[in-house]
Amino acid sequence: MKNFSFSLSLMALCAGAAMISPAHAQQTYEQSTYTIPENGRASLRAFIEDERDRACDAAENGSPKTCVTPEQQVNIIQPGGILPPEVNIVPVPDTITGRMPDAPNLTKYVYAASNVYLIDINTRRVIDVVTLPAP
């Protein structure tokens, strides 16, 4: 009798799990409406400016680090797009993100190609992007 009850419970659990749509089973951000709050955007813009200045200072001192001016910036990947694997991403330091409202689960802020992207950590799908205004 115990085995029958256990089997029946297991079948009910499996049937319930099968009814959950894939969109609800795992969070995805293909059609996300999340946007980085304005105070977070300001912090991230300051971070981008600091990174550009640091890269340009290093380039002037003979370091191989590339100085990327706004004119040399690569095409911006818009929300919903995927950051290609060849684009090097660097996590934005906790000293910056720690002052911002929490981002959704399974996401992270990364610095890539002179922009900051909030990406889905599993797919590299862009949820939101912060750039500097064109010069």
Protein backbone atom coordinates (compact mmCIF):
# COMPACT_ATOMS: atom_id res chain seq x y z
CA MET A 1 0.00 0.00 0.00
CA LYS A 2 2.85 2.38 0.83
CA ASN A 3 4.46 1.71 -2.56
CA PHE A 4 1.15 2.39 -4.31
CA SER A 5 0.72 5.73 -2.46
CA PHE A 6 4.31 6.69 -3.22
CA SER A 7 3.88 5.80 -6.91
CA LEU A 8 0.64 7.75 -7.11
CA SER A 9 2.26 10.80 -5.47
CA LEU A 10 5.23 10.59 -7.81
CA MET A 11 2.95 10.38 -10.85
CA ALA A 12 0.98 13.43 -9.68
CA LEU A 13 4.20 15.37 -9.15
CA CYS A 14 5.49 14.49 -12.63
CA ALA A 15 2.17 15.39 -14.23
CA GLY A 16 2.20 18.76 -12.47
CA ALA A 17 5.76 19.45 -13.59
CA ALA A 18 4.88 18.59 -17.17
CA MET A 19 2.14 21.22 -17.14
CA ILE A 20 4.60 24.03 -16.37
CA SER A 21 5.46 25.81 -19.57
CA PRO A 22 9.17 26.10 -20.45
CA ALA A 23 8.89 29.88 -20.11
CA HIS A 24 7.95 29.47 -16.46
CA ALA A 25 10.31 26.58 -15.74
CA GLN A 26 13.38 28.71 -16.38
CA GLN A 27 13.59 32.49 -16.34
CA THR A 28 14.49 33.88 -19.74
CA TYR A 29 15.01 37.46 -20.78
CA GLU A 30 14.19 37.41 -24.48
CA GLN A 31 11.29 39.80 -23.97
CA SER A 32 12.33 41.32 -20.65
CA THR A 33 10.88 44.61 -19.58
CA TYR A 34 13.56 45.11 -16.90
CA THR A 35 15.55 48.30 -17.30
CA ILE A 36 18.44 49.55 -15.24
CA PRO A 37 17.23 52.36 -12.94
CA GLU A 38 18.50 55.87 -13.70
CA ASN A 39 20.70 56.08 -10.57
CA GLY A 40 22.31 52.80 -11.65
CA ARG A 41 22.79 54.11 -15.18
CA ALA A 42 24.63 57.16 -13.82
CA SER A 43 26.98 54.93 -11.78
CA LEU A 44 27.62 52.71 -14.80
CA ARG A 45 28.29 55.70 -17.10
CA ALA A 46 30.88 56.97 -14.60
CA PHE A 47 32.44 53.49 -14.57
CA ILE A 48 32.63 53.45 -18.39
CA GLU A 49 34.30 56.87 -18.41
CA ASP A 50 36.83 55.74 -15.80
CA GLU A 51 37.60 52.57 -17.79
CA ARG A 52 38.12 54.56 -21.00
CA ASP A 53 40.39 57.06 -19.22
CA ARG A 54 42.38 54.22 -17.63
CA ALA A 55 42.80 52.49 -21.00
CA CYS A 56 43.90 55.70 -22.72
CA ASP A 57 46.35 56.56 -19.92
CA ALA A 58 47.84 53.07 -20.15
CA ALA A 59 48.13 53.37 -23.95
CA GLU A 60 49.98 56.69 -23.61
CA ASN A 61 52.47 55.05 -21.23
CA GLY A 62 53.32 52.34 -23.74
CA SER A 63 51.03 49.68 -22.33
CA PRO A 64 49.44 47.35 -24.88
CA LYS A 65 45.99 48.03 -23.40
CA THR A 66 43.80 49.46 -26.15
CA CYS A 67 42.46 52.99 -25.83
CA VAL A 68 38.92 52.95 -27.22
CA THR A 69 37.61 56.38 -28.06
CA PRO A 70 33.88 56.88 -28.54
CA GLU A 71 34.44 57.00 -32.32
CA GLN A 72 36.12 53.56 -32.22
CA GLN A 73 33.36 51.93 -30.21
CA VAL A 74 31.91 48.79 -31.79
CA ASN A 75 28.24 48.41 -32.65
CA ILE A 76 26.08 48.32 -29.55
CA ILE A 77 24.21 45.08 -28.97
CA GLN A 78 20.64 46.09 -28.21
CA PRO A 79 18.40 44.39 -25.61
CA GLY A 80 17.24 41.02 -26.88
CA GLY A 81 20.47 40.50 -28.84
CA ILE A 82 23.24 38.10 -27.88
CA LEU A 83 26.79 39.17 -27.04
CA PRO A 84 28.92 37.12 -29.46
CA PRO A 85 31.44 34.73 -27.88
CA GLU A 86 34.34 36.67 -29.42
CA VAL A 87 33.36 39.79 -27.45
CA ASN A 88 35.45 39.80 -24.28
CA ILE A 89 33.35 40.49 -21.21
CA VAL A 90 34.62 41.65 -17.83
CA PRO A 91 32.34 41.65 -14.77
CA VAL A 92 31.59 45.12 -13.43
CA PRO A 93 33.17 45.33 -9.95
CA ASP A 94 31.01 44.91 -6.86
CA THR A 95 32.12 48.37 -5.74
CA ILE A 96 29.94 49.72 -8.56
CA THR A 97 27.06 47.23 -8.61
CA GLY A 98 26.84 47.11 -4.81
CA ARG A 99 25.51 50.68 -4.81
CA MET A 100 22.77 49.83 -7.29
CA PRO A 101 19.38 48.13 -6.90
CA ASP A 102 19.61 44.36 -7.26
CA ALA A 103 19.46 43.03 -10.80
CA PRO A 104 17.20 40.07 -11.64
CA ASN A 105 18.38 36.58 -10.71
CA LEU A 106 20.67 34.82 -13.21
CA THR A 107 21.94 38.12 -14.61
CA LYS A 108 25.15 40.10 -14.25
CA TYR A 109 26.60 43.41 -15.29
CA VAL A 110 29.55 43.13 -17.67
CA TYR A 111 31.83 45.63 -19.36
CA ALA A 112 32.36 44.88 -23.04
CA ALA A 113 33.38 47.03 -26.00
CA SER A 114 33.19 50.26 -23.97
CA ASN A 115 29.61 49.61 -22.84
CA VAL A 116 28.02 48.01 -19.80
CA TYR A 117 25.54 45.25 -20.47
CA LEU A 118 23.16 43.50 -18.13
CA ILE A 119 23.15 39.97 -19.51
CA ASP A 120 21.52 36.62 -18.85
CA ILE A 121 24.45 34.60 -17.48
CA ASN A 122 23.36 31.42 -19.26
CA THR A 123 22.82 32.76 -22.78
CA ARG A 124 24.68 36.12 -22.92
CA ARG A 125 21.38 37.65 -24.04
CA VAL A 126 21.36 41.41 -23.44
CA ILE A 127 18.66 42.59 -21.07
CA ASP A 128 19.72 46.23 -20.98
CA VAL A 129 22.71 48.31 -22.07
CA VAL A 130 24.33 51.48 -20.79
CA THR A 131 26.43 53.56 -23.16
CA LEU A 132 27.97 56.99 -23.13
CA PRO A 133 26.29 59.63 -25.23
CA ALA A 134 27.87 60.19 -28.64
CA PRO A 135 30.47 62.99 -28.61
